[in-house]
């Protein structure tokens, strides 16, 4: 069985930096989507549901921090790992980025090995988390009797209620 290729969204307004990141990721067998600002990134994240997002902080239209806030407030995208890759590199900037909900924070300029290591680590953590959730779901679903898991049971139950209450329903009308 072949391993699934991870899908990464890169949100960066600098074309040169964006192309470098995309080339680096594609050479390492990632499927890459690109956006030039936070609003495009948000829209693309909602559409494609990537496995990981790498984003600049300072961009036109919508900054990376606002995009991250929107993603974290949406139950569908709330748990997508998010890496800030930005020139804002003071201790306070890094702390702020983590407080916004970033999973990692890499200052520019960055080393290719450093970015690839961060991407790999975040994806491995996400995969372990997904596996644990799958196990919990399977354990719960196996402990519920089959009869309760089928939609037909609900339909039959509501039909029985209607049949039992038909006389009452007719009189109240």
N, C-alpha and C. Protein backbone atom coordinates (compact mmCIF):
# COMPACT_ATOMS: atom_id res chain seq x y z
N UNK A 1 0.84 -1.18 0.00
CA UNK A 1 0.00 0.00 0.00
C UNK A 1 0.89 1.24 0.00
N UNK A 2 0.65 2.16 -0.92
CA UNK A 2 1.45 3.37 -0.97
C UNK A 2 0.92 4.40 0.01
N UNK A 3 1.85 5.20 0.50
CA UNK A 3 1.49 6.23 1.47
C UNK A 3 0.84 7.40 0.75
N UNK A 4 -0.18 7.96 1.37
CA UNK A 4 -0.91 9.09 0.81
C UNK A 4 -0.01 10.33 0.81
N UNK A 5 -0.02 11.07 -0.29
CA UNK A 5 0.73 12.31 -0.35
C UNK A 5 0.03 13.37 0.49
N UNK A 6 0.81 14.08 1.28
CA UNK A 6 0.24 15.15 2.10
C UNK A 6 0.02 16.38 1.25
N UNK A 7 -1.06 17.10 1.58
CA UNK A 7 -1.46 18.29 0.85
C UNK A 7 -1.16 19.53 1.70
N UNK A 8 -0.37 20.45 1.14
CA UNK A 8 0.08 21.62 1.88
C UNK A 8 -0.37 22.89 1.16
N UNK A 9 -0.95 23.80 1.93
CA UNK A 9 -1.34 25.11 1.40
C UNK A 9 -0.26 26.11 1.80
N UNK A 10 0.28 26.82 0.82
CA UNK A 10 1.27 27.87 1.06
C UNK A 10 0.62 29.21 0.78
N UNK A 11 0.61 30.08 1.81
CA UNK A 11 0.01 31.40 1.69
C UNK A 11 1.14 32.42 1.87
N UNK A 12 1.53 33.05 0.78
CA UNK A 12 2.69 33.96 0.79
C UNK A 12 2.51 35.00 -0.30
N UNK A 13 2.67 36.28 0.04
CA UNK A 13 2.48 37.34 -0.95
C UNK A 13 3.72 37.58 -1.81
N UNK A 14 4.90 37.19 -1.37
CA UNK A 14 6.11 37.36 -2.16
C UNK A 14 6.23 36.20 -3.15
N UNK A 15 6.18 36.54 -4.44
CA UNK A 15 6.21 35.50 -5.48
C UNK A 15 7.49 34.66 -5.40
N UNK A 16 8.63 35.30 -5.19
CA UNK A 16 9.90 34.59 -5.14
C UNK A 16 9.94 33.60 -3.97
N UNK A 17 9.54 34.05 -2.81
CA UNK A 17 9.54 33.16 -1.64
C UNK A 17 8.52 32.04 -1.83
N UNK A 18 7.35 32.39 -2.34
CA UNK A 18 6.29 31.40 -2.58
C UNK A 18 6.79 30.31 -3.52
N UNK A 19 7.44 30.71 -4.63
CA UNK A 19 7.94 29.73 -5.60
C UNK A 19 9.02 28.84 -5.00
N UNK A 20 9.87 29.42 -4.15
CA UNK A 20 10.92 28.62 -3.49
C UNK A 20 10.31 27.58 -2.56
N UNK A 21 9.32 27.99 -1.79
CA UNK A 21 8.66 27.05 -0.87
C UNK A 21 7.96 25.95 -1.65
N UNK A 22 7.24 26.34 -2.69
CA UNK A 22 6.51 25.36 -3.50
C UNK A 22 7.48 24.35 -4.12
N UNK A 23 8.58 24.84 -4.70
CA UNK A 23 9.57 23.94 -5.30
C UNK A 23 10.13 22.97 -4.28
N UNK A 24 10.48 23.49 -3.11
CA UNK A 24 11.04 22.66 -2.04
C UNK A 24 10.05 21.57 -1.63
N UNK A 25 8.78 21.95 -1.45
CA UNK A 25 7.78 20.97 -1.03
C UNK A 25 7.48 19.94 -2.13
N UNK A 26 7.35 20.41 -3.36
CA UNK A 26 7.07 19.48 -4.46
C UNK A 26 8.22 18.51 -4.68
N UNK A 27 9.46 18.98 -4.51
CA UNK A 27 10.61 18.08 -4.64
C UNK A 27 10.61 17.01 -3.55
N UNK A 28 9.92 17.30 -2.47
CA UNK A 28 9.83 16.34 -1.36
C UNK A 28 8.49 15.62 -1.34
N UNK A 29 7.83 15.59 -2.49
CA UNK A 29 6.65 14.76 -2.73
C UNK A 29 5.37 15.23 -2.01
N UNK A 30 5.24 16.54 -1.80
CA UNK A 30 4.00 17.09 -1.26
C UNK A 30 3.16 17.66 -2.39
N UNK A 31 1.86 17.58 -2.25
CA UNK A 31 0.93 18.25 -3.15
C UNK A 31 0.75 19.65 -2.60
N UNK A 32 0.96 20.67 -3.43
CA UNK A 32 0.97 22.05 -2.93
C UNK A 32 -0.10 22.90 -3.60
N UNK A 33 -0.80 23.67 -2.78
CA UNK A 33 -1.75 24.69 -3.23
C UNK A 33 -1.17 26.04 -2.83
N UNK A 34 -1.44 27.06 -3.63
CA UNK A 34 -0.87 28.37 -3.30
C UNK A 34 -1.94 29.46 -3.27
N UNK A 35 -1.68 30.43 -2.39
CA UNK A 35 -2.52 31.62 -2.29
C UNK A 35 -1.60 32.82 -2.04
N UNK A 36 -2.01 33.99 -2.55
CA UNK A 36 -1.17 35.18 -2.44
C UNK A 36 -1.51 36.07 -1.26
N UNK A 37 -2.62 35.79 -0.57
CA UNK A 37 -2.97 36.58 0.61
C UNK A 37 -3.87 35.74 1.52
N UNK A 38 -4.16 36.28 2.68
CA UNK A 38 -4.92 35.54 3.67
C UNK A 38 -6.33 35.19 3.23
N UNK A 39 -6.98 36.09 2.51
CA UNK A 39 -8.36 35.82 2.07
C UNK A 39 -8.38 34.66 1.07
N UNK A 40 -7.44 34.69 0.11
CA UNK A 40 -7.33 33.58 -0.84
C UNK A 40 -6.99 32.29 -0.10
N UNK A 41 -6.10 32.41 0.88
CA UNK A 41 -5.69 31.24 1.67
C UNK A 41 -6.86 30.64 2.43
N UNK A 42 -7.66 31.51 3.05
CA UNK A 42 -8.83 31.05 3.79
C UNK A 42 -9.80 30.33 2.86
N UNK A 43 -10.09 30.95 1.72
CA UNK A 43 -11.02 30.34 0.75
C UNK A 43 -10.50 28.99 0.26
N UNK A 44 -9.20 28.93 -0.04
CA UNK A 44 -8.61 27.69 -0.55
C UNK A 44 -8.57 26.61 0.54
N UNK A 45 -8.30 27.01 1.77
CA UNK A 45 -8.29 26.05 2.88
C UNK A 45 -9.67 25.43 3.07
N UNK A 46 -10.71 26.25 2.97
CA UNK A 46 -12.07 25.74 3.12
C UNK A 46 -12.46 24.82 1.97
N UNK A 47 -11.95 25.12 0.79
CA UNK A 47 -12.28 24.32 -0.40
C UNK A 47 -11.47 23.00 -0.43
N UNK A 48 -10.18 23.08 -0.20
CA UNK A 48 -9.29 21.92 -0.39
C UNK A 48 -9.02 21.11 0.88
N UNK A 49 -9.25 21.71 2.05
CA UNK A 49 -8.96 21.06 3.34
C UNK A 49 -7.56 20.41 3.34
N UNK A 50 -6.52 21.25 3.26
CA UNK A 50 -5.15 20.70 3.22
C UNK A 50 -4.78 20.02 4.54
N UNK A 51 -3.72 19.23 4.50
CA UNK A 51 -3.23 18.56 5.70
C UNK A 51 -2.41 19.52 6.57
N UNK A 52 -1.89 20.61 5.96
CA UNK A 52 -1.05 21.56 6.68
C UNK A 52 -1.07 22.89 5.93
N UNK A 53 -0.92 23.99 6.68
CA UNK A 53 -0.87 25.32 6.08
C UNK A 53 0.41 26.00 6.53
N UNK A 54 1.12 26.59 5.57
CA UNK A 54 2.29 27.44 5.84
C UNK A 54 1.90 28.84 5.38
N UNK A 55 2.06 29.82 6.27
CA UNK A 55 1.61 31.16 5.93
C UNK A 55 2.53 32.25 6.46
N UNK A 56 2.64 33.30 5.67
CA UNK A 56 3.27 34.54 6.10
C UNK A 56 2.30 35.22 7.06
N UNK A 57 2.78 36.16 7.85
CA UNK A 57 1.90 36.92 8.74
C UNK A 57 1.44 38.22 8.09
N UNK A 58 2.37 38.94 7.49
CA UNK A 58 2.05 40.26 6.94
C UNK A 58 1.77 40.14 5.44
N UNK A 59 0.48 40.31 5.09
CA UNK A 59 0.07 40.20 3.69
C UNK A 59 -1.05 41.19 3.41
N UNK A 60 -1.25 41.52 2.13
CA UNK A 60 -2.37 42.39 1.78
C UNK A 60 -3.70 41.64 1.89
N UNK A 61 -4.79 42.34 1.85
CA UNK A 61 -6.17 41.86 1.87
C UNK A 61 -6.54 41.30 3.25
N UNK A 62 -5.86 40.24 3.68
CA UNK A 62 -6.08 39.67 5.02
C UNK A 62 -4.74 39.16 5.53
N UNK A 63 -4.36 39.61 6.71
CA UNK A 63 -3.10 39.14 7.31
C UNK A 63 -3.22 37.69 7.75
N UNK A 64 -2.07 37.07 7.92
CA UNK A 64 -2.04 35.68 8.33
C UNK A 64 -2.69 35.42 9.67
N UNK A 65 -2.55 36.39 10.61
CA UNK A 65 -3.16 36.19 11.92
C UNK A 65 -4.68 36.16 11.84
N UNK A 66 -5.26 37.00 10.99
CA UNK A 66 -6.72 37.01 10.82
C UNK A 66 -7.18 35.71 10.14
N UNK A 67 -6.43 35.27 9.14
CA UNK A 67 -6.76 34.01 8.47
C UNK A 67 -6.72 32.86 9.47
N UNK A 68 -5.68 32.83 10.31
CA UNK A 68 -5.56 31.77 11.31
C UNK A 68 -6.74 31.81 12.28
N UNK A 69 -7.12 33.00 12.72
CA UNK A 69 -8.28 33.12 13.61
C UNK A 69 -9.53 32.55 12.97
N UNK A 70 -9.76 32.89 11.70
CA UNK A 70 -10.93 32.38 10.97
C UNK A 70 -10.89 30.86 10.86
N UNK A 71 -9.71 30.32 10.56
CA UNK A 71 -9.56 28.86 10.44
C UNK A 71 -9.83 28.16 11.77
N UNK A 72 -9.30 28.71 12.85
CA UNK A 72 -9.48 28.10 14.17
C UNK A 72 -10.92 28.20 14.65
N UNK A 73 -11.67 29.18 14.18
CA UNK A 73 -13.07 29.35 14.57
C UNK A 73 -14.03 28.50 13.74
N UNK A 74 -13.52 27.78 12.75
CA UNK A 74 -14.35 26.93 11.90
C UNK A 74 -14.07 25.47 12.27
N UNK A 75 -15.09 24.74 12.66
CA UNK A 75 -14.89 23.36 13.13
C UNK A 75 -14.26 22.46 12.06
N UNK A 76 -14.44 22.78 10.80
CA UNK A 76 -13.89 21.95 9.72
C UNK A 76 -12.38 22.15 9.58
N UNK A 77 -11.90 23.37 9.83
CA UNK A 77 -10.48 23.68 9.63
C UNK A 77 -9.72 23.91 10.93
N UNK A 78 -10.40 23.82 12.05
CA UNK A 78 -9.80 24.20 13.34
C UNK A 78 -8.54 23.41 13.70
N UNK A 79 -8.44 22.18 13.25
CA UNK A 79 -7.31 21.34 13.65
C UNK A 79 -6.26 21.14 12.57
N UNK A 80 -6.34 21.90 11.49
CA UNK A 80 -5.30 21.80 10.46
C UNK A 80 -4.02 22.42 11.02
N UNK A 81 -2.91 21.67 11.03
CA UNK A 81 -1.66 22.25 11.52
C UNK A 81 -1.28 23.50 10.72
N UNK A 82 -0.76 24.50 11.44
CA UNK A 82 -0.50 25.81 10.85
C UNK A 82 0.90 26.27 11.25
N UNK A 83 1.70 26.62 10.26
CA UNK A 83 3.06 27.11 10.49
C UNK A 83 3.16 28.54 9.97
N UNK A 84 3.54 29.47 10.84
CA UNK A 84 3.86 30.82 10.38
C UNK A 84 5.30 30.81 9.90
N UNK A 85 5.53 31.40 8.73
CA UNK A 85 6.85 31.57 8.15
C UNK A 85 6.94 33.05 7.81
N UNK A 86 7.63 33.83 8.65
CA UNK A 86 7.50 35.27 8.55
C UNK A 86 8.76 36.02 8.97
N UNK A 87 8.87 37.26 8.49
CA UNK A 87 9.99 38.12 8.87
C UNK A 87 9.81 38.69 10.27
N UNK A 88 8.61 38.63 10.80
CA UNK A 88 8.35 39.11 12.18
C UNK A 88 8.93 38.07 13.13
N UNK A 89 10.11 38.38 13.68
CA UNK A 89 10.82 37.31 14.39
C UNK A 89 11.26 37.68 15.81
N UNK A 90 10.72 38.73 16.38
CA UNK A 90 11.06 39.02 17.78
C UNK A 90 10.41 37.97 18.67
N UNK A 91 10.88 37.87 19.91
CA UNK A 91 10.28 36.92 20.85
C UNK A 91 8.79 37.18 21.01
N UNK A 92 8.42 38.47 21.08
CA UNK A 92 7.00 38.82 21.24
C UNK A 92 6.20 38.41 20.02
N UNK A 93 6.77 38.59 18.80
CA UNK A 93 6.09 38.17 17.57
C UNK A 93 5.84 36.66 17.58
N UNK A 94 6.87 35.92 17.98
CA UNK A 94 6.74 34.46 18.02
C UNK A 94 5.69 34.06 19.05
N UNK A 95 5.74 34.66 20.23
CA UNK A 95 4.76 34.36 21.28
C UNK A 95 3.36 34.69 20.80
N UNK A 96 3.20 35.88 20.16
CA UNK A 96 1.88 36.28 19.63
C UNK A 96 1.38 35.25 18.62
N UNK A 97 2.25 34.83 17.71
CA UNK A 97 1.86 33.84 16.70
C UNK A 97 1.38 32.54 17.31
N UNK A 98 2.07 32.10 18.35
CA UNK A 98 1.66 30.87 19.02
C UNK A 98 0.34 31.09 19.77
N UNK A 99 0.17 32.28 20.34
CA UNK A 99 -1.08 32.59 21.04
C UNK A 99 -2.27 32.65 20.08
N UNK A 100 -2.03 33.01 18.83
CA UNK A 100 -3.10 33.01 17.83
C UNK A 100 -3.51 31.59 17.47
N UNK A 101 -2.67 30.62 17.80
CA UNK A 101 -3.01 29.23 17.52
C UNK A 101 -2.09 28.54 16.53
N UNK A 102 -0.98 29.19 16.17
CA UNK A 102 -0.03 28.54 15.26
C UNK A 102 0.60 27.34 15.94
N UNK A 103 0.89 26.31 15.17
CA UNK A 103 1.55 25.12 15.70
C UNK A 103 3.06 25.25 15.68
N UNK A 104 3.56 26.13 14.81
CA UNK A 104 4.99 26.37 14.72
C UNK A 104 5.20 27.76 14.15
N UNK A 105 6.41 28.30 14.33
CA UNK A 105 6.71 29.67 13.92
C UNK A 105 8.16 29.71 13.48
N UNK A 106 8.38 29.91 12.18
CA UNK A 106 9.73 29.95 11.64
C UNK A 106 10.03 31.35 11.11
N UNK A 107 11.10 31.96 11.57
CA UNK A 107 11.46 33.29 11.06
C UNK A 107 12.15 33.20 9.70
N UNK A 108 11.92 34.23 8.88
CA UNK A 108 12.64 34.37 7.61
C UNK A 108 13.92 35.15 7.89
N UNK A 109 14.98 34.90 7.18
CA UNK A 109 15.14 33.82 6.21
C UNK A 109 15.21 32.46 6.93
N UNK A 110 14.80 31.43 6.22
CA UNK A 110 14.74 30.10 6.81
C UNK A 110 15.63 29.15 6.03
N UNK A 111 16.00 28.07 6.68
CA UNK A 111 16.77 27.01 6.03
C UNK A 111 15.78 25.98 5.50
N UNK A 112 16.07 25.43 4.33
CA UNK A 112 15.18 24.43 3.73
C UNK A 112 14.99 23.24 4.67
N UNK A 113 16.08 22.79 5.30
CA UNK A 113 15.97 21.64 6.20
C UNK A 113 15.09 21.95 7.40
N UNK A 114 15.16 23.20 7.87
CA UNK A 114 14.35 23.61 9.01
C UNK A 114 12.86 23.58 8.65
N UNK A 115 12.52 24.10 7.48
CA UNK A 115 11.12 24.09 7.04
C UNK A 115 10.63 22.67 6.83
N UNK A 116 11.41 21.86 6.14
CA UNK A 116 11.00 20.47 5.89
C UNK A 116 10.84 19.69 7.19
N UNK A 117 11.70 19.94 8.15
CA UNK A 117 11.60 19.28 9.44
C UNK A 117 10.31 19.69 10.17
N UNK A 118 10.00 20.98 10.14
CA UNK A 118 8.77 21.47 10.78
C UNK A 118 7.53 20.87 10.11
N UNK A 119 7.54 20.82 8.78
CA UNK A 119 6.41 20.25 8.04
C UNK A 119 6.24 18.77 8.40
N UNK A 120 7.33 18.03 8.36
CA UNK A 120 7.28 16.60 8.66
C UNK A 120 6.78 16.35 10.09
N UNK A 121 7.31 17.11 11.04
CA UNK A 121 6.91 16.94 12.44
C UNK A 121 5.43 17.23 12.64
N UNK A 122 4.93 18.31 12.07
CA UNK A 122 3.52 18.68 12.23
C UNK A 122 2.60 17.66 11.57
N UNK A 123 2.99 17.15 10.41
CA UNK A 123 2.17 16.15 9.73
C UNK A 123 2.16 14.82 10.49
N UNK A 124 3.31 14.43 11.05
CA UNK A 124 3.36 13.20 11.85
C UNK A 124 2.47 13.33 13.07
N UNK A 125 2.52 14.48 13.73
CA UNK A 125 1.68 14.70 14.90
C UNK A 125 0.20 14.65 14.52
N UNK A 126 -0.15 15.26 13.38
CA UNK A 126 -1.54 15.24 12.92
C UNK A 126 -1.98 13.81 12.61
N UNK A 127 -1.12 13.05 11.95
CA UNK A 127 -1.46 11.66 11.60
C UNK A 127 -1.68 10.81 12.84
N UNK A 128 -0.84 10.98 13.87
CA UNK A 128 -1.02 10.24 15.12
C UNK A 128 -2.34 10.61 15.77
N UNK A 129 -2.64 11.89 15.76
CA UNK A 129 -3.90 12.36 16.36
C UNK A 129 -5.09 11.79 15.60
N UNK A 130 -5.02 11.80 14.27
CA UNK A 130 -6.10 11.24 13.45
C UNK A 130 -6.29 9.75 13.71
N UNK A 131 -5.17 9.02 13.85
CA UNK A 131 -5.25 7.59 14.13
C UNK A 131 -5.92 7.32 15.48
N UNK A 132 -5.58 8.14 16.48
CA UNK A 132 -6.19 7.97 17.80
C UNK A 132 -7.68 8.24 17.74
N UNK A 133 -8.08 9.28 17.02
CA UNK A 133 -9.51 9.59 16.88
C UNK A 133 -10.25 8.47 16.16
N UNK A 134 -9.63 7.90 15.13
CA UNK A 134 -10.24 6.78 14.41
C UNK A 134 -10.45 5.58 15.34
N UNK A 135 -9.46 5.29 16.18
CA UNK A 135 -9.58 4.18 17.12
C UNK A 135 -10.72 4.43 18.10
N UNK A 136 -10.82 5.64 18.62
CA UNK A 136 -11.89 5.97 19.56
C UNK A 136 -13.24 5.81 18.87
N UNK A 137 -13.36 6.32 17.65
CA UNK A 137 -14.62 6.21 16.91
C UNK A 137 -14.99 4.75 16.68
N UNK A 138 -14.01 3.94 16.28
CA UNK A 138 -14.29 2.52 16.04
C UNK A 138 -14.71 1.82 17.33
N UNK A 139 -14.05 2.14 18.43
CA UNK A 139 -14.41 1.52 19.72
C UNK A 139 -15.82 1.90 20.12
N UNK A 140 -16.18 3.15 19.95
CA UNK A 140 -17.53 3.59 20.31
C UNK A 140 -18.56 2.95 19.39
N UNK A 141 -18.29 2.97 18.08
CA UNK A 141 -19.28 2.42 17.15
C UNK A 141 -19.43 0.91 17.31
N UNK A 142 -18.38 0.22 17.72
CA UNK A 142 -18.49 -1.23 17.94
C UNK A 142 -19.25 -1.56 19.21
N UNK A 143 -19.27 -0.63 20.16
CA UNK A 143 -19.98 -0.90 21.41
C UNK A 143 -21.47 -0.60 21.31
N UNK A 144 -21.89 0.07 20.25
CA UNK A 144 -23.31 0.34 20.03
C UNK A 144 -23.89 -0.80 19.20
N UNK A 145 -24.97 -1.39 19.64
CA UNK A 145 -25.56 -2.50 18.87
C UNK A 145 -25.89 -2.06 17.44
N UNK A 146 -25.72 -2.99 16.52
CA UNK A 146 -25.97 -2.72 15.10
C UNK A 146 -27.37 -2.15 14.87
N UNK A 147 -28.34 -2.67 15.60
CA UNK A 147 -29.72 -2.24 15.40
C UNK A 147 -29.90 -0.75 15.66
N UNK A 148 -29.09 -0.18 16.55
CA UNK A 148 -29.22 1.24 16.86
C UNK A 148 -28.46 2.13 15.87
N UNK A 149 -27.58 1.53 15.08
CA UNK A 149 -26.78 2.31 14.14
C UNK A 149 -27.42 2.45 12.77
N UNK A 150 -28.51 1.76 12.51
CA UNK A 150 -29.11 1.82 11.18
C UNK A 150 -30.21 2.86 11.13
N UNK A 151 -30.32 3.62 10.04
CA UNK A 151 -31.37 4.63 9.91
C UNK A 151 -32.77 4.04 9.91
N UNK A 152 -32.91 2.79 9.47
CA UNK A 152 -34.22 2.15 9.40
C UNK A 152 -34.86 2.05 10.78
N UNK A 153 -34.06 1.88 11.82
CA UNK A 153 -34.60 1.80 13.18
C UNK A 153 -35.31 3.10 13.53
N UNK A 154 -34.71 4.23 13.21
CA UNK A 154 -35.34 5.53 13.49
C UNK A 154 -36.63 5.70 12.70
N UNK A 155 -36.59 5.33 11.43
CA UNK A 155 -37.79 5.45 10.58
C UNK A 155 -38.91 4.58 11.14
N UNK A 156 -38.59 3.35 11.51
CA UNK A 156 -39.60 2.46 12.06
C UNK A 156 -40.15 3.00 13.38
N UNK A 157 -39.26 3.54 14.20
CA UNK A 157 -39.69 4.09 15.48
C UNK A 157 -40.66 5.25 15.30
N UNK A 158 -40.34 6.18 14.40
CA UNK A 158 -41.23 7.32 14.15
C UNK A 158 -42.54 6.86 13.52
N UNK A 159 -42.49 5.86 12.65
CA UNK A 159 -43.71 5.32 12.05
C UNK A 159 -44.61 4.72 13.13
N UNK A 160 -44.03 3.98 14.06
CA UNK A 160 -44.81 3.40 15.16
C UNK A 160 -45.45 4.48 16.02
N UNK A 161 -44.75 5.56 16.28
CA UNK A 161 -45.31 6.66 17.06
C UNK A 161 -46.49 7.28 16.32
N UNK A 162 -46.33 7.50 15.03
CA UNK A 162 -47.42 8.08 14.23
C UNK A 162 -48.63 7.16 14.23
N UNK A 163 -48.42 5.86 14.01
CA UNK A 163 -49.53 4.90 13.99
C UNK A 163 -50.22 4.87 15.36
N UNK A 164 -49.44 4.86 16.44
CA UNK A 164 -50.01 4.83 17.79
C UNK A 164 -50.79 6.11 18.10
N UNK A 165 -50.36 7.22 17.54
CA UNK A 165 -50.97 8.50 17.88
C UNK A 165 -51.93 9.02 16.80
N UNK A 166 -52.21 8.24 15.78
CA UNK A 166 -53.05 8.69 14.67
C UNK A 166 -54.43 9.16 15.11
N UNK A 167 -55.03 8.45 16.06
CA UNK A 167 -56.35 8.84 16.54
C UNK A 167 -56.28 10.20 17.24
N UNK A 168 -55.25 10.43 18.02
CA UNK A 168 -55.09 11.70 18.73
C UNK A 168 -54.83 12.83 17.74
N UNK A 169 -54.03 12.57 16.73
CA UNK A 169 -53.69 13.59 15.73
C UNK A 169 -54.96 14.01 14.97
N UNK A 170 -55.81 13.02 14.59
CA UNK A 170 -57.04 13.34 13.85
C UNK A 170 -58.01 14.17 14.70
N UNK A 171 -58.13 13.84 15.97
CA UNK A 171 -59.07 14.58 16.82
C UNK A 171 -58.62 16.01 17.08
N UNK A 172 -57.29 16.23 17.18
CA UNK A 172 -56.79 17.57 17.47
C UNK A 172 -56.86 18.47 16.27
N UNK A 173 -56.98 17.95 15.07
CA UNK A 173 -56.97 18.77 13.84
C UNK A 173 -58.23 19.50 13.63
